[in-house]
Amino acid sequence: MILTVSILPSPVGPLELACDGDGRLRGVSFGEGLARMMRREYPQAALVEGETPGPVRAALDAYFAGDQAALGRTPWSLDGAVAADGFQARVWRALAEIPAGQTISYGEMAKRAGEPGAAQAAGVALNRNPIAVVLPCHRVVGADGAMVGFGGGLERKTWLLRHEGALLL
């Protein structure tokens, strides 16, 4: 597999993206760590520099311009990822079902992924989410609504949630 790496400017800083040959998003990083993440999830993949595929760019640009539904139109895939199965992958896929402007707790995420009581394990899975923003781990908050745990930093998490119109404490 060849993954094309590109940089997309955004209001939360540059996003480093990895996309496959079919134009599907495989990885997002906030400027650092993408190569390490892609080696972990796709150890056989070759990384090459290139352009962001049009549909990915259009969907992310639309999201940042205010179209909350645009993340759902972003082509992405976990096919072939090391963690494409099991609890971690179920957490990642469940993220796509959280509507913009809404938040859920880590405990609720664990429940949705089929492991009630595994809130801490859900947090670990969220920390390893390879497609941040598009698989919106920023919509998962502490049980009391506290802003905790986001690899891109709490400032970005807060910005993304406010952008989506989420009510914050």
N, C-alpha and C. Protein backbone atom coordinates (compact mmCIF):
# COMPACT_ATOMS: atom_id res chain seq x y z
N MET A 1 0.85 -1.18 0.00
CA MET A 1 0.00 0.00 0.00
C MET A 1 0.89 1.24 0.00
N ILE A 2 0.49 2.22 -0.78
CA ILE A 2 1.17 3.51 -0.81
C ILE A 2 0.22 4.53 -0.21
N LEU A 3 0.71 5.30 0.76
CA LEU A 3 -0.07 6.37 1.38
C LEU A 3 0.56 7.71 1.00
N THR A 4 -0.27 8.57 0.46
CA THR A 4 0.19 9.90 0.08
C THR A 4 -0.01 10.84 1.25
N VAL A 5 1.06 11.51 1.63
CA VAL A 5 1.05 12.44 2.77
C VAL A 5 0.99 13.86 2.22
N SER A 6 0.11 14.66 2.82
CA SER A 6 -0.04 16.05 2.41
C SER A 6 -0.36 16.89 3.64
N ILE A 7 -0.25 18.19 3.47
CA ILE A 7 -0.57 19.14 4.53
C ILE A 7 -1.77 19.96 4.09
N LEU A 8 -2.76 20.07 4.97
CA LEU A 8 -3.94 20.87 4.69
C LEU A 8 -4.05 21.95 5.76
N PRO A 9 -4.00 23.23 5.36
CA PRO A 9 -4.19 24.29 6.35
C PRO A 9 -5.60 24.22 6.93
N SER A 10 -5.72 24.56 8.21
CA SER A 10 -7.04 24.58 8.86
C SER A 10 -7.04 25.62 9.97
N PRO A 11 -8.20 25.98 10.46
CA PRO A 11 -8.27 26.94 11.57
C PRO A 11 -7.64 26.43 12.86
N VAL A 12 -7.42 25.12 12.97
CA VAL A 12 -6.79 24.57 14.18
C VAL A 12 -5.32 24.23 13.93
N GLY A 13 -4.77 24.78 12.87
CA GLY A 13 -3.38 24.55 12.51
C GLY A 13 -3.30 23.57 11.36
N PRO A 14 -2.09 23.39 10.83
CA PRO A 14 -1.94 22.49 9.69
C PRO A 14 -2.27 21.05 10.07
N LEU A 15 -3.01 20.39 9.20
CA LEU A 15 -3.33 18.98 9.37
C LEU A 15 -2.46 18.18 8.41
N GLU A 16 -1.74 17.22 8.94
CA GLU A 16 -0.98 16.31 8.10
C GLU A 16 -1.88 15.12 7.82
N LEU A 17 -2.09 14.82 6.55
CA LEU A 17 -3.03 13.78 6.14
C LEU A 17 -2.30 12.66 5.40
N ALA A 18 -2.79 11.44 5.58
CA ALA A 18 -2.32 10.30 4.79
C ALA A 18 -3.54 9.70 4.11
N CYS A 19 -3.45 9.55 2.79
CA CYS A 19 -4.57 9.01 2.00
C CYS A 19 -4.06 7.86 1.14
N ASP A 20 -4.94 6.89 0.92
CA ASP A 20 -4.56 5.74 0.09
C ASP A 20 -4.78 6.06 -1.39
N GLY A 21 -4.47 5.10 -2.23
CA GLY A 21 -4.58 5.27 -3.68
C GLY A 21 -6.00 5.47 -4.18
N ASP A 22 -6.98 5.11 -3.35
CA ASP A 22 -8.38 5.32 -3.71
C ASP A 22 -8.91 6.65 -3.20
N GLY A 23 -8.03 7.47 -2.63
CA GLY A 23 -8.42 8.79 -2.14
C GLY A 23 -9.12 8.77 -0.79
N ARG A 24 -8.96 7.67 -0.05
CA ARG A 24 -9.59 7.58 1.27
C ARG A 24 -8.60 7.98 2.35
N LEU A 25 -9.07 8.74 3.31
CA LEU A 25 -8.25 9.19 4.41
C LEU A 25 -7.90 8.01 5.30
N ARG A 26 -6.63 7.89 5.66
CA ARG A 26 -6.15 6.82 6.54
C ARG A 26 -5.53 7.37 7.81
N GLY A 27 -5.11 8.65 7.78
CA GLY A 27 -4.46 9.21 8.95
C GLY A 27 -4.53 10.72 8.97
N VAL A 28 -4.63 11.28 10.19
CA VAL A 28 -4.62 12.72 10.42
C VAL A 28 -3.73 12.99 11.62
N SER A 29 -2.88 13.98 11.49
CA SER A 29 -2.04 14.42 12.60
C SER A 29 -2.04 15.94 12.62
N PHE A 30 -1.83 16.48 13.79
CA PHE A 30 -1.77 17.94 13.93
C PHE A 30 -0.34 18.43 13.76
N GLY A 31 0.30 18.00 12.68
CA GLY A 31 1.61 18.52 12.33
C GLY A 31 2.78 17.62 12.64
N GLU A 32 2.63 16.68 13.57
CA GLU A 32 3.73 15.78 13.90
C GLU A 32 3.17 14.41 14.25
N GLY A 33 3.97 13.39 14.01
CA GLY A 33 3.59 12.06 14.44
C GLY A 33 2.85 11.21 13.41
N LEU A 34 2.53 11.76 12.25
CA LEU A 34 1.77 10.99 11.27
C LEU A 34 2.55 9.78 10.79
N ALA A 35 3.84 9.96 10.47
CA ALA A 35 4.64 8.85 9.96
C ALA A 35 4.69 7.72 10.98
N ARG A 36 4.90 8.04 12.25
CA ARG A 36 4.95 7.03 13.31
C ARG A 36 3.61 6.30 13.41
N MET A 37 2.52 7.06 13.38
CA MET A 37 1.18 6.47 13.46
C MET A 37 0.91 5.55 12.27
N MET A 38 1.28 5.97 11.08
CA MET A 38 1.04 5.15 9.90
C MET A 38 1.91 3.89 9.92
N ARG A 39 3.15 3.99 10.43
CA ARG A 39 3.99 2.79 10.56
C ARG A 39 3.38 1.81 11.55
N ARG A 40 2.72 2.33 12.61
CA ARG A 40 2.08 1.46 13.59
C ARG A 40 0.86 0.77 12.99
N GLU A 41 0.00 1.52 12.29
CA GLU A 41 -1.25 0.96 11.76
C GLU A 41 -1.09 0.27 10.42
N TYR A 42 -0.17 0.73 9.61
CA TYR A 42 0.04 0.16 8.27
C TYR A 42 1.54 -0.09 8.07
N PRO A 43 2.11 -1.06 8.78
CA PRO A 43 3.57 -1.24 8.77
C PRO A 43 4.16 -1.52 7.38
N GLN A 44 3.38 -2.05 6.46
CA GLN A 44 3.89 -2.36 5.12
C GLN A 44 3.74 -1.18 4.15
N ALA A 45 3.09 -0.10 4.58
CA ALA A 45 2.80 1.01 3.68
C ALA A 45 4.05 1.86 3.42
N ALA A 46 4.13 2.34 2.20
CA ALA A 46 5.16 3.32 1.83
C ALA A 46 4.51 4.70 1.88
N LEU A 47 5.21 5.66 2.44
CA LEU A 47 4.70 7.03 2.52
C LEU A 47 5.40 7.89 1.48
N VAL A 48 4.60 8.60 0.69
CA VAL A 48 5.13 9.50 -0.33
C VAL A 48 4.43 10.85 -0.19
N GLU A 49 5.12 11.90 -0.52
CA GLU A 49 4.50 13.23 -0.49
C GLU A 49 3.66 13.44 -1.73
N GLY A 50 2.57 14.16 -1.55
CA GLY A 50 1.70 14.44 -2.69
C GLY A 50 0.61 15.42 -2.30
N GLU A 51 -0.44 15.44 -3.08
CA GLU A 51 -1.56 16.35 -2.89
C GLU A 51 -2.70 15.67 -2.15
N THR A 52 -3.45 16.45 -1.41
CA THR A 52 -4.65 15.94 -0.75
C THR A 52 -5.70 15.63 -1.83
N PRO A 53 -6.28 14.43 -1.83
CA PRO A 53 -7.32 14.12 -2.81
C PRO A 53 -8.48 15.12 -2.72
N GLY A 54 -9.05 15.46 -3.86
CA GLY A 54 -10.11 16.46 -3.93
C GLY A 54 -11.27 16.22 -2.98
N PRO A 55 -11.85 15.02 -2.92
CA PRO A 55 -12.99 14.81 -2.03
C PRO A 55 -12.64 14.99 -0.54
N VAL A 56 -11.43 14.60 -0.14
CA VAL A 56 -11.00 14.78 1.25
C VAL A 56 -10.84 16.27 1.54
N ARG A 57 -10.15 16.97 0.65
CA ARG A 57 -9.95 18.42 0.82
C ARG A 57 -11.29 19.14 0.86
N ALA A 58 -12.18 18.81 -0.06
CA ALA A 58 -13.48 19.49 -0.13
C ALA A 58 -14.28 19.27 1.14
N ALA A 59 -14.29 18.05 1.64
CA ALA A 59 -15.07 17.76 2.85
C ALA A 59 -14.49 18.48 4.06
N LEU A 60 -13.18 18.45 4.24
CA LEU A 60 -12.57 19.14 5.39
C LEU A 60 -12.73 20.65 5.27
N ASP A 61 -12.53 21.19 4.07
CA ASP A 61 -12.74 22.63 3.88
C ASP A 61 -14.18 23.01 4.21
N ALA A 62 -15.14 22.20 3.78
CA ALA A 62 -16.55 22.48 4.06
C ALA A 62 -16.83 22.41 5.56
N TYR A 63 -16.27 21.43 6.23
CA TYR A 63 -16.45 21.32 7.68
C TYR A 63 -15.94 22.58 8.38
N PHE A 64 -14.73 22.99 8.05
CA PHE A 64 -14.16 24.16 8.71
C PHE A 64 -14.88 25.45 8.31
N ALA A 65 -15.60 25.43 7.18
CA ALA A 65 -16.39 26.59 6.76
C ALA A 65 -17.78 26.59 7.41
N GLY A 66 -18.09 25.56 8.20
CA GLY A 66 -19.35 25.54 8.93
C GLY A 66 -20.33 24.45 8.58
N ASP A 67 -20.02 23.63 7.57
CA ASP A 67 -20.91 22.54 7.17
C ASP A 67 -20.65 21.33 8.07
N GLN A 68 -21.42 21.20 9.14
CA GLN A 68 -21.18 20.15 10.12
C GLN A 68 -21.34 18.75 9.56
N ALA A 69 -22.15 18.58 8.55
CA ALA A 69 -22.36 17.25 7.97
C ALA A 69 -21.19 16.81 7.09
N ALA A 70 -20.27 17.71 6.79
CA ALA A 70 -19.18 17.41 5.86
C ALA A 70 -18.26 16.30 6.35
N LEU A 71 -18.08 16.16 7.66
CA LEU A 71 -17.20 15.08 8.14
C LEU A 71 -17.75 13.73 7.71
N GLY A 72 -19.06 13.60 7.68
CA GLY A 72 -19.69 12.36 7.26
C GLY A 72 -19.51 12.06 5.79
N ARG A 73 -19.14 13.06 5.02
CA ARG A 73 -18.89 12.87 3.58
C ARG A 73 -17.41 12.65 3.27
N THR A 74 -16.58 12.67 4.28
CA THR A 74 -15.15 12.49 4.07
C THR A 74 -14.86 11.01 3.84
N PRO A 75 -14.29 10.66 2.70
CA PRO A 75 -13.98 9.24 2.48
C PRO A 75 -12.82 8.80 3.38
N TRP A 76 -13.03 7.72 4.14
CA TRP A 76 -11.99 7.21 5.01
C TRP A 76 -12.08 5.69 5.05
N SER A 77 -11.01 5.08 5.52
CA SER A 77 -10.99 3.63 5.64
C SER A 77 -10.02 3.20 6.72
N LEU A 78 -10.35 2.11 7.38
CA LEU A 78 -9.45 1.44 8.31
C LEU A 78 -9.04 0.06 7.77
N ASP A 79 -9.48 -0.27 6.55
CA ASP A 79 -9.17 -1.57 5.97
C ASP A 79 -7.66 -1.79 5.95
N GLY A 80 -7.25 -2.93 6.47
CA GLY A 80 -5.83 -3.27 6.47
C GLY A 80 -5.04 -2.72 7.63
N ALA A 81 -5.66 -1.91 8.47
CA ALA A 81 -4.95 -1.37 9.64
C ALA A 81 -4.71 -2.50 10.63
N VAL A 82 -3.61 -2.43 11.34
CA VAL A 82 -3.30 -3.44 12.35
C VAL A 82 -4.45 -3.57 13.34
N ALA A 83 -5.02 -2.44 13.75
CA ALA A 83 -6.10 -2.44 14.74
C ALA A 83 -7.47 -2.34 14.08
N ALA A 84 -7.64 -2.91 12.89
CA ALA A 84 -8.90 -2.78 12.15
C ALA A 84 -10.02 -3.62 12.74
N ASP A 85 -9.70 -4.49 13.68
CA ASP A 85 -10.70 -5.34 14.32
C ASP A 85 -10.62 -5.15 15.83
N GLY A 86 -11.60 -5.66 16.53
CA GLY A 86 -11.58 -5.63 17.98
C GLY A 86 -12.14 -4.35 18.57
N PHE A 87 -11.98 -4.24 19.88
CA PHE A 87 -12.57 -3.14 20.64
C PHE A 87 -12.11 -1.78 20.14
N GLN A 88 -10.81 -1.63 19.91
CA GLN A 88 -10.28 -0.34 19.47
C GLN A 88 -10.96 0.11 18.18
N ALA A 89 -11.07 -0.76 17.22
CA ALA A 89 -11.72 -0.41 15.95
C ALA A 89 -13.20 -0.13 16.14
N ARG A 90 -13.85 -0.85 17.05
CA ARG A 90 -15.27 -0.58 17.32
C ARG A 90 -15.42 0.83 17.91
N VAL A 91 -14.50 1.23 18.76
CA VAL A 91 -14.53 2.60 19.29
C VAL A 91 -14.37 3.59 18.15
N TRP A 92 -13.39 3.37 17.29
CA TRP A 92 -13.15 4.30 16.19
C TRP A 92 -14.37 4.42 15.30
N ARG A 93 -14.98 3.30 14.97
CA ARG A 93 -16.15 3.35 14.08
C ARG A 93 -17.35 4.00 14.77
N ALA A 94 -17.49 3.78 16.08
CA ALA A 94 -18.59 4.40 16.83
C ALA A 94 -18.47 5.92 16.87
N LEU A 95 -17.25 6.43 16.76
CA LEU A 95 -17.07 7.88 16.74
C LEU A 95 -17.85 8.53 15.60
N ALA A 96 -17.88 7.87 14.46
CA ALA A 96 -18.55 8.42 13.28
C ALA A 96 -20.05 8.58 13.50
N GLU A 97 -20.59 7.94 14.53
CA GLU A 97 -22.03 8.00 14.80
C GLU A 97 -22.42 9.11 15.78
N ILE A 98 -21.45 9.82 16.34
CA ILE A 98 -21.77 10.90 17.27
C ILE A 98 -22.07 12.15 16.45
N PRO A 99 -23.29 12.68 16.55
CA PRO A 99 -23.64 13.86 15.74
C PRO A 99 -22.82 15.10 16.15
N ALA A 100 -22.57 15.95 15.17
CA ALA A 100 -21.89 17.21 15.43
C ALA A 100 -22.67 18.00 16.47
N GLY A 101 -21.95 18.63 17.36
CA GLY A 101 -22.57 19.45 18.40
C GLY A 101 -22.98 18.67 19.62
N GLN A 102 -22.79 17.36 19.60
CA GLN A 102 -23.12 16.53 20.76
C GLN A 102 -21.85 15.91 21.33
N THR A 103 -21.87 15.65 22.61
CA THR A 103 -20.75 14.97 23.25
C THR A 103 -21.28 13.76 24.02
N ILE A 104 -20.40 12.80 24.22
CA ILE A 104 -20.72 11.64 25.05
C ILE A 104 -19.53 11.41 25.98
N SER A 105 -19.75 10.62 27.01
CA SER A 105 -18.68 10.32 27.96
C SER A 105 -17.87 9.11 27.48
N TYR A 106 -16.72 8.92 28.11
CA TYR A 106 -15.89 7.75 27.80
C TYR A 106 -16.66 6.47 28.14
N GLY A 107 -17.42 6.49 29.22
CA GLY A 107 -18.23 5.33 29.59
C GLY A 107 -19.28 5.01 28.54
N GLU A 108 -19.94 6.03 28.02
CA GLU A 108 -20.93 5.82 26.96
C GLU A 108 -20.24 5.30 25.70
N MET A 109 -19.04 5.80 25.40
CA MET A 109 -18.32 5.31 24.22
C MET A 109 -18.01 3.83 24.39
N ALA A 110 -17.56 3.43 25.58
CA ALA A 110 -17.27 2.02 25.82
C ALA A 110 -18.52 1.17 25.62
N LYS A 111 -19.64 1.66 26.12
CA LYS A 111 -20.92 0.95 25.97
C LYS A 111 -21.27 0.81 24.49
N ARG A 112 -21.15 1.90 23.73
CA ARG A 112 -21.47 1.86 22.29
C ARG A 112 -20.55 0.92 21.52
N ALA A 113 -19.34 0.73 22.03
CA ALA A 113 -18.38 -0.17 21.38
C ALA A 113 -18.51 -1.61 21.88
N GLY A 114 -19.53 -1.85 22.73
CA GLY A 114 -19.82 -3.20 23.16
C GLY A 114 -19.12 -3.67 24.41
N GLU A 115 -18.51 -2.76 25.16
CA GLU A 115 -17.80 -3.13 26.39
C GLU A 115 -18.18 -2.18 27.52
N PRO A 116 -19.41 -2.28 28.04
CA PRO A 116 -19.79 -1.42 29.16
C PRO A 116 -18.79 -1.58 30.30
N GLY A 117 -18.44 -0.49 30.92
CA GLY A 117 -17.49 -0.53 32.02
C GLY A 117 -16.04 -0.40 31.59
N ALA A 118 -15.78 -0.28 30.31
CA ALA A 118 -14.41 -0.19 29.81
C ALA A 118 -14.06 1.23 29.40
N ALA A 119 -14.47 2.20 30.22
CA ALA A 119 -14.23 3.61 29.88
C ALA A 119 -12.75 3.92 29.71
N GLN A 120 -11.92 3.37 30.57
CA GLN A 120 -10.48 3.63 30.46
C GLN A 120 -9.92 3.05 29.17
N ALA A 121 -10.34 1.84 28.81
CA ALA A 121 -9.89 1.23 27.56
C ALA A 121 -10.39 2.03 26.35
N ALA A 122 -11.58 2.60 26.47
CA ALA A 122 -12.09 3.46 25.39
C ALA A 122 -11.19 4.68 25.25
N GLY A 123 -10.74 5.23 26.37
CA GLY A 123 -9.82 6.36 26.32
C GLY A 123 -8.52 6.03 25.63
N VAL A 124 -8.00 4.85 25.89
CA VAL A 124 -6.77 4.40 25.22
C VAL A 124 -7.02 4.29 23.71
N ALA A 125 -8.15 3.71 23.33
CA ALA A 125 -8.48 3.59 21.91
C ALA A 125 -8.62 4.96 21.25
N LEU A 126 -9.27 5.88 21.95
CA LEU A 126 -9.44 7.23 21.39
C LEU A 126 -8.08 7.91 21.21
N ASN A 127 -7.18 7.69 22.13
CA ASN A 127 -5.85 8.28 22.03
C ASN A 127 -5.10 7.77 20.80
N ARG A 128 -5.46 6.58 20.34
CA ARG A 128 -4.79 5.98 19.17
C ARG A 128 -5.59 6.17 17.88
N ASN A 129 -6.66 6.96 17.92
CA ASN A 129 -7.49 7.20 16.74
C ASN A 129 -6.63 7.76 15.61
N PRO A 130 -6.49 7.03 14.51
CA PRO A 130 -5.63 7.52 13.44
C PRO A 130 -6.26 8.60 12.57
N ILE A 131 -7.58 8.80 12.69
CA ILE A 131 -8.26 9.75 11.80
C ILE A 131 -8.98 10.80 12.65
N ALA A 132 -8.21 11.49 13.48
CA ALA A 132 -8.78 12.54 14.33
C ALA A 132 -9.52 13.57 13.50
N VAL A 133 -10.42 14.25 14.09
CA VAL A 133 -11.34 15.23 13.51
C VAL A 133 -12.43 14.51 12.71
N VAL A 134 -12.06 13.73 11.70
CA VAL A 134 -13.05 13.05 10.87
C VAL A 134 -13.75 11.95 11.67
N LEU A 135 -12.98 11.15 12.42
CA LEU A 135 -13.56 10.25 13.42
C LEU A 135 -13.45 11.06 14.70
N PRO A 136 -14.53 11.76 15.06
CA PRO A 136 -14.47 12.90 16.00
C PRO A 136 -14.29 12.54 17.48
N CYS A 137 -13.07 12.15 17.82
CA CYS A 137 -12.78 11.83 19.22
C CYS A 137 -12.90 13.07 20.09
N HIS A 138 -12.91 14.25 19.48
CA HIS A 138 -13.10 15.48 20.27
C HIS A 138 -14.49 15.55 20.88
N ARG A 139 -15.42 14.73 20.42
CA ARG A 139 -16.79 14.73 20.95
C ARG A 139 -16.95 13.85 22.19
N VAL A 140 -15.86 13.23 22.64
CA VAL A 140 -15.90 12.40 23.84
C VAL A 140 -15.25 13.19 24.97
N VAL A 141 -16.01 13.32 26.07
CA VAL A 141 -15.57 14.14 27.21
C VAL A 141 -15.68 13.31 28.49
N GLY A 142 -15.19 13.88 29.58
CA GLY A 142 -15.29 13.21 30.87
C GLY A 142 -16.74 13.04 31.28
N ALA A 143 -16.96 12.14 32.24
CA ALA A 143 -18.33 11.85 32.71
C ALA A 143 -19.03 13.10 33.22
N ASP A 144 -18.25 14.05 33.74
CA ASP A 144 -18.82 15.29 34.26
C ASP A 144 -18.83 16.40 33.22
N GLY A 145 -18.52 16.06 31.97
CA GLY A 145 -18.48 17.05 30.90
C GLY A 145 -17.14 17.76 30.77
N ALA A 146 -16.17 17.36 31.58
CA ALA A 146 -14.85 18.01 31.56
C ALA A 146 -14.13 17.73 30.25
N MET A 147 -13.37 18.72 29.81
CA MET A 147 -12.57 18.61 28.60
C MET A 147 -11.28 17.88 28.95
N VAL A 148 -11.23 16.60 28.62
CA VAL A 148 -10.05 15.80 28.92
C VAL A 148 -9.62 15.03 27.68
N GLY A 149 -8.35 14.74 27.62
CA GLY A 149 -7.81 13.83 26.64
C GLY A 149 -8.07 14.11 25.19
N PHE A 150 -7.17 14.85 24.55
CA PHE A 150 -7.23 15.02 23.11
C PHE A 150 -5.79 15.18 22.62
N GLY A 151 -5.37 14.29 21.72
CA GLY A 151 -4.00 14.29 21.24
C GLY A 151 -3.58 15.59 20.58
N GLY A 152 -4.52 16.33 20.05
CA GLY A 152 -4.21 17.61 19.41
C GLY A 152 -4.18 18.76 20.39
N GLY A 153 -4.41 18.48 21.67
CA GLY A 153 -4.41 19.52 22.70
C GLY A 153 -5.83 19.97 23.02
N LEU A 154 -6.04 20.34 24.27
CA LEU A 154 -7.37 20.74 24.71
C LEU A 154 -7.85 22.02 24.03
N GLU A 155 -6.93 22.88 23.62
CA GLU A 155 -7.35 24.10 22.92
C GLU A 155 -8.02 23.75 21.59
N ARG A 156 -7.45 22.79 20.87
CA ARG A 156 -8.06 22.36 19.60
C ARG A 156 -9.39 21.67 19.85
N LYS A 157 -9.44 20.82 20.87
CA LYS A 157 -10.69 20.13 21.19
C LYS A 157 -11.78 21.15 21.49
N THR A 158 -11.46 22.13 22.30
CA THR A 158 -12.43 23.18 22.64
C THR A 158 -12.87 23.92 21.38
N TRP A 159 -11.92 24.27 20.52
CA TRP A 159 -12.26 25.00 19.30
C TRP A 159 -13.21 24.16 18.44
N LEU A 160 -12.88 22.88 18.24
CA LEU A 160 -13.71 22.02 17.40
C LEU A 160 -15.13 21.90 17.96
N LEU A 161 -15.25 21.71 19.27
CA LEU A 161 -16.58 21.59 19.87
C LEU A 161 -17.36 22.89 19.77
N ARG A 162 -16.71 24.01 20.00
CA ARG A 162 -17.40 25.30 19.85
C ARG A 162 -17.82 25.53 18.40
N HIS A 163 -16.95 25.15 17.47
CA HIS A 163 -17.25 25.26 16.04
C HIS A 163 -18.50 24.47 15.69
N GLU A 164 -18.70 23.35 16.37
CA GLU A 164 -19.86 22.50 16.12
C GLU A 164 -21.09 22.93 16.93
N GLY A 165 -20.92 23.93 17.76
CA GLY A 165 -22.05 24.42 18.55
C GLY A 165 -22.34 23.59 19.80
N ALA A 166 -21.35 22.83 20.25
CA ALA A 166 -21.55 22.02 21.47
C ALA A 166 -21.57 22.94 22.68
N LEU A 167 -22.41 22.60 23.64
CA LEU A 167 -22.46 23.34 24.89
C LEU A 167 -21.32 22.87 25.77
N LEU A 168 -20.49 23.79 26.18
CA LEU A 168 -19.33 23.45 27.02
C LEU A 168 -19.52 24.03 28.40
N LEU A 169 -18.96 23.31 29.40
CA LEU A 169 -19.02 23.80 30.78
C LEU A 169 -18.18 25.03 30.94
